[in-house]
Amino acid sequence: MARVLLTREAAVLLVQQVMQAEGGDEESSRVLDRLDRALGCPSGYVSGLIFWPERPEPTAADVVEQALAYRPVAL
C-alpha cells in the first residue's frame, strides 16, 4: 500500500467533507480511498473511524490522529 502525499490539514478537511456528507456516495468513496492510502491505513479503516467510532462524535482532527497512529500488526 503506497502512501500518497497529503498534509495533515488537507486530511482533516477531507474528513470534514465526508463527515458533513458533502458530495455524493461516489465522491465520498473516492475521498475515503485517498485518505486510506495517504494515511497508510488498510482499505476501509478511515471509514470505520468516521462511521463506527470507538468514542462518540469524534472530530475530523481526532479521526486523522487515530488514522496516523495506525500500525499494522506484524505476523
N, C-alpha and C. Protein backbone atom coordinates (compact mmCIF):
# COMPACT_ATOMS: atom_id res chain seq x y z
N MET A 1 0.86 -1.16 0.00
CA MET A 1 0.00 0.00 0.00
C MET A 1 0.91 1.23 0.00
N ALA A 2 0.86 1.98 -1.08
CA ALA A 2 1.71 3.14 -1.23
C ALA A 2 1.03 4.38 -0.66
N ARG A 3 1.79 5.16 0.06
CA ARG A 3 1.25 6.42 0.60
C ARG A 3 1.29 7.48 -0.49
N VAL A 4 0.29 8.35 -0.48
CA VAL A 4 0.27 9.50 -1.38
C VAL A 4 0.45 10.74 -0.53
N LEU A 5 1.00 11.78 -1.12
CA LEU A 5 1.31 12.99 -0.38
C LEU A 5 0.04 13.75 0.00
N LEU A 6 -0.13 14.02 1.28
CA LEU A 6 -1.29 14.75 1.78
C LEU A 6 -0.90 15.32 3.14
N THR A 7 -1.09 16.62 3.32
CA THR A 7 -0.78 17.22 4.62
C THR A 7 -1.86 16.86 5.64
N ARG A 8 -1.51 16.98 6.90
CA ARG A 8 -2.46 16.73 7.98
C ARG A 8 -3.68 17.65 7.83
N GLU A 9 -3.42 18.91 7.50
CA GLU A 9 -4.52 19.87 7.36
C GLU A 9 -5.44 19.49 6.22
N ALA A 10 -4.87 19.04 5.11
CA ALA A 10 -5.68 18.61 3.97
C ALA A 10 -6.49 17.36 4.33
N ALA A 11 -5.88 16.46 5.09
CA ALA A 11 -6.58 15.26 5.52
C ALA A 11 -7.76 15.62 6.42
N VAL A 12 -7.57 16.56 7.32
CA VAL A 12 -8.66 16.99 8.20
C VAL A 12 -9.80 17.58 7.37
N LEU A 13 -9.47 18.39 6.38
CA LEU A 13 -10.51 18.98 5.52
C LEU A 13 -11.28 17.90 4.75
N LEU A 14 -10.57 16.89 4.27
CA LEU A 14 -11.24 15.80 3.55
C LEU A 14 -12.15 14.99 4.48
N VAL A 15 -11.69 14.74 5.70
CA VAL A 15 -12.53 14.02 6.66
C VAL A 15 -13.77 14.85 6.99
N GLN A 16 -13.59 16.15 7.16
CA GLN A 16 -14.75 17.02 7.41
C GLN A 16 -15.75 16.94 6.27
N GLN A 17 -15.23 16.91 5.05
CA GLN A 17 -16.09 16.82 3.87
C GLN A 17 -16.94 15.55 3.92
N VAL A 18 -16.33 14.44 4.27
CA VAL A 18 -17.06 13.17 4.37
C VAL A 18 -18.05 13.22 5.53
N MET A 19 -17.62 13.73 6.67
CA MET A 19 -18.49 13.78 7.85
C MET A 19 -19.72 14.66 7.62
N GLN A 20 -19.57 15.70 6.80
CA GLN A 20 -20.68 16.61 6.53
C GLN A 20 -21.48 16.18 5.31
N ALA A 21 -21.14 15.01 4.77
CA ALA A 21 -21.84 14.42 3.62
C ALA A 21 -21.86 15.35 2.42
N GLU A 22 -20.74 16.06 2.20
CA GLU A 22 -20.62 16.90 1.02
C GLU A 22 -20.28 16.00 -0.17
N GLY A 23 -20.94 16.19 -1.28
CA GLY A 23 -20.72 15.33 -2.44
C GLY A 23 -21.56 14.07 -2.31
N GLY A 24 -21.56 13.27 -3.33
CA GLY A 24 -22.35 12.05 -3.33
C GLY A 24 -21.57 10.87 -2.77
N ASP A 25 -22.19 9.70 -2.86
CA ASP A 25 -21.58 8.48 -2.36
C ASP A 25 -20.28 8.15 -3.09
N GLU A 26 -20.28 8.33 -4.41
CA GLU A 26 -19.07 8.04 -5.19
C GLU A 26 -17.92 8.96 -4.79
N GLU A 27 -18.22 10.23 -4.60
CA GLU A 27 -17.19 11.18 -4.20
C GLU A 27 -16.65 10.84 -2.81
N SER A 28 -17.55 10.52 -1.89
CA SER A 28 -17.12 10.13 -0.54
C SER A 28 -16.25 8.88 -0.59
N SER A 29 -16.62 7.94 -1.41
CA SER A 29 -15.84 6.71 -1.55
C SER A 29 -14.43 7.01 -2.07
N ARG A 30 -14.34 7.89 -3.07
CA ARG A 30 -13.02 8.29 -3.60
C ARG A 30 -12.19 8.99 -2.53
N VAL A 31 -12.84 9.87 -1.78
CA VAL A 31 -12.12 10.61 -0.72
C VAL A 31 -11.64 9.64 0.35
N LEU A 32 -12.48 8.70 0.76
CA LEU A 32 -12.08 7.73 1.78
C LEU A 32 -10.94 6.84 1.30
N ASP A 33 -10.98 6.41 0.04
CA ASP A 33 -9.87 5.63 -0.52
C ASP A 33 -8.57 6.43 -0.50
N ARG A 34 -8.68 7.71 -0.90
CA ARG A 34 -7.49 8.58 -0.90
C ARG A 34 -6.94 8.74 0.51
N LEU A 35 -7.82 8.93 1.48
CA LEU A 35 -7.38 9.08 2.87
C LEU A 35 -6.70 7.80 3.37
N ASP A 36 -7.28 6.64 3.08
CA ASP A 36 -6.66 5.38 3.50
C ASP A 36 -5.23 5.28 2.95
N ARG A 37 -5.07 5.57 1.67
CA ARG A 37 -3.73 5.49 1.05
C ARG A 37 -2.79 6.53 1.64
N ALA A 38 -3.27 7.77 1.75
CA ALA A 38 -2.42 8.87 2.21
C ALA A 38 -1.98 8.69 3.66
N LEU A 39 -2.85 8.12 4.48
CA LEU A 39 -2.55 7.98 5.90
C LEU A 39 -1.95 6.62 6.24
N GLY A 40 -1.75 5.77 5.21
CA GLY A 40 -1.11 4.47 5.41
C GLY A 40 -1.97 3.46 6.13
N CYS A 41 -3.27 3.50 5.88
CA CYS A 41 -4.21 2.60 6.55
C CYS A 41 -4.75 1.57 5.58
N PRO A 42 -5.22 0.44 6.10
CA PRO A 42 -5.86 -0.54 5.21
C PRO A 42 -7.18 0.03 4.67
N SER A 43 -7.62 -0.51 3.56
CA SER A 43 -8.85 -0.07 2.92
C SER A 43 -10.02 -0.15 3.91
N GLY A 44 -10.77 0.94 4.02
CA GLY A 44 -11.93 0.99 4.90
C GLY A 44 -11.64 1.43 6.32
N TYR A 45 -10.39 1.62 6.67
CA TYR A 45 -10.03 1.96 8.05
C TYR A 45 -10.56 3.35 8.45
N VAL A 46 -10.32 4.34 7.60
CA VAL A 46 -10.77 5.70 7.92
C VAL A 46 -12.29 5.75 7.97
N SER A 47 -12.93 5.05 7.06
CA SER A 47 -14.40 4.98 7.06
C SER A 47 -14.91 4.44 8.40
N GLY A 48 -14.27 3.42 8.91
CA GLY A 48 -14.65 2.86 10.21
C GLY A 48 -14.48 3.86 11.34
N LEU A 49 -13.41 4.65 11.28
CA LEU A 49 -13.19 5.67 12.31
C LEU A 49 -14.26 6.74 12.28
N ILE A 50 -14.77 7.04 11.09
CA ILE A 50 -15.79 8.08 10.94
C ILE A 50 -17.18 7.56 11.31
N PHE A 51 -17.55 6.42 10.72
CA PHE A 51 -18.93 5.95 10.84
C PHE A 51 -19.17 4.99 12.00
N TRP A 52 -18.13 4.38 12.54
CA TRP A 52 -18.26 3.46 13.67
C TRP A 52 -17.16 3.76 14.69
N PRO A 53 -17.16 4.98 15.23
CA PRO A 53 -16.07 5.39 16.13
C PRO A 53 -16.12 4.67 17.47
N GLU A 54 -14.96 4.56 18.10
CA GLU A 54 -14.88 3.98 19.44
C GLU A 54 -15.41 4.96 20.48
N ARG A 55 -15.18 6.26 20.24
CA ARG A 55 -15.69 7.30 21.15
C ARG A 55 -16.80 8.05 20.42
N PRO A 56 -17.78 8.55 21.14
CA PRO A 56 -18.87 9.28 20.49
C PRO A 56 -18.39 10.58 19.84
N GLU A 57 -18.91 10.86 18.68
CA GLU A 57 -18.71 12.11 17.97
C GLU A 57 -17.25 12.60 17.87
N PRO A 58 -16.40 11.85 17.20
CA PRO A 58 -15.02 12.34 17.02
C PRO A 58 -15.00 13.53 16.06
N THR A 59 -14.04 14.40 16.25
CA THR A 59 -13.85 15.50 15.30
C THR A 59 -13.04 14.96 14.13
N ALA A 60 -12.99 15.75 13.06
CA ALA A 60 -12.19 15.36 11.91
C ALA A 60 -10.72 15.22 12.30
N ALA A 61 -10.25 16.12 13.16
CA ALA A 61 -8.86 16.05 13.63
C ALA A 61 -8.62 14.77 14.43
N ASP A 62 -9.60 14.35 15.25
CA ASP A 62 -9.49 13.10 16.01
C ASP A 62 -9.33 11.91 15.06
N VAL A 63 -10.15 11.90 14.01
CA VAL A 63 -10.11 10.80 13.04
C VAL A 63 -8.73 10.74 12.38
N VAL A 64 -8.20 11.88 11.97
CA VAL A 64 -6.89 11.90 11.32
C VAL A 64 -5.81 11.44 12.29
N GLU A 65 -5.86 11.89 13.54
CA GLU A 65 -4.87 11.47 14.53
C GLU A 65 -4.91 9.95 14.75
N GLN A 66 -6.12 9.39 14.85
CA GLN A 66 -6.25 7.95 15.03
C GLN A 66 -5.72 7.20 13.81
N ALA A 67 -6.01 7.72 12.63
CA ALA A 67 -5.53 7.07 11.41
C ALA A 67 -4.01 7.13 11.32
N LEU A 68 -3.43 8.26 11.68
CA LEU A 68 -1.97 8.38 11.66
C LEU A 68 -1.29 7.49 12.69
N ALA A 69 -2.02 7.16 13.75
CA ALA A 69 -1.46 6.28 14.79
C ALA A 69 -1.55 4.82 14.41
N TYR A 70 -2.25 4.48 13.33
CA TYR A 70 -2.39 3.08 12.91
C TYR A 70 -1.03 2.47 12.61
N ARG A 71 -0.82 1.27 13.12
CA ARG A 71 0.38 0.49 12.84
C ARG A 71 -0.06 -0.92 12.53
N PRO A 72 0.38 -1.48 11.39
CA PRO A 72 -0.02 -2.85 11.07
C PRO A 72 0.57 -3.84 12.06
N VAL A 73 -0.13 -4.93 12.25
CA VAL A 73 0.33 -5.98 13.15
C VAL A 73 1.25 -6.90 12.36
N ALA A 74 2.45 -7.10 12.85
CA ALA A 74 3.40 -7.99 12.20
C ALA A 74 3.06 -9.43 12.55
N LEU A 75 2.93 -10.26 11.53
CA LEU A 75 2.59 -11.66 11.76
C LEU A 75 3.82 -12.54 11.60
